[in-house]
Amino acid sequence: VYFNEASGGRFVPRAVLMDLEPGTMDSVRSGPYGQIFRPDNFVFGQSGAGNNWAKGHYTEGAELIDSVLDVVRKEAENCDCLQGFQVCHSLGGGTGSGMGTLLISKIREEYPDRMMLTFSVFPSPKVSDTVVEPYNGTVSVHQLVENADECMVLDNEALYDICFRTLKLATPTFGDLNHLISATMSGVTCCLRFPGQLNSDLRKLAVNLIPFPRLHFFMVGFAPLTSRGSQQYRALTVPELTQQMWDAKNMMAAS
């Protein structure tokens, strides 16, 4: 269950949003979905991590982590039967990589028997903001190997390729990339949110997908992907859909 029911039939996401600078939080708050989140669940610092993993993990992030854990604890205590945690972060910057992995390790200490699923946006050389992305990514992967149970690998290069080649978008925005990621996340968590026989919880998903405990990095494919203009003219058959699903062009991580 991803939502709590509030008064008046409103549903509030069981989400904790954290960052080391207030700017992104303000844009979420003022955006179209800002009102659905609990105001107490926005936790942010003032200084930012400056694309520095150590700042996120050891200095700025370490100062904020207790406030984040308090909010996580409150959400966990409201659960009848806590199954696990789902973390969305990027590994290229300082906050998502440094503080993200710090949060994962702290949650692992506090809830050792709960599942940890991450959606991690890995850095890629073709779509790069900063020169230190490879360092941030490398030190974060070590933490993910040790402390995460399932890790969905995403990267912007593959997402841009999908936007250009498959969706035929001339100038993809981050909104388009986020739409792809949200469709993928929705597909992956579908088995947790609706009744079914296979992979009905995070643990069963891990049992069926992971051959060795440390080998838990998954490449996610999504189908059907068609450009907006051609959707009405296509009727996919089962073999075509299966073919698309395993096609490298439909993978959310560049191989």
Foldseek 3Di string as FASTA:
>chain_A
DQWDQDPPRATAGLDAAEFADCVVLVCCCPDPCNVRYDPLRYFYHHPGQAQAQCCQAPNSVVVRLVSNVVSVVVSVVPDPDAAADEEEAEQQGHNRQNNVLNNLVVVCVVCVPHAYEYEYAQEDPVDHDDPCRVVSRVVSLVSCLPRHQAYEYAYPVLLVLCCCPFQVDPDDDVVSSVVLVVVQVCVVCVLCPDPDDACNDPVRVSVVPPPDRSPRYDWFFDDDGHHPVCVVVDDDDPVRRVCRRPDCSRTRHND
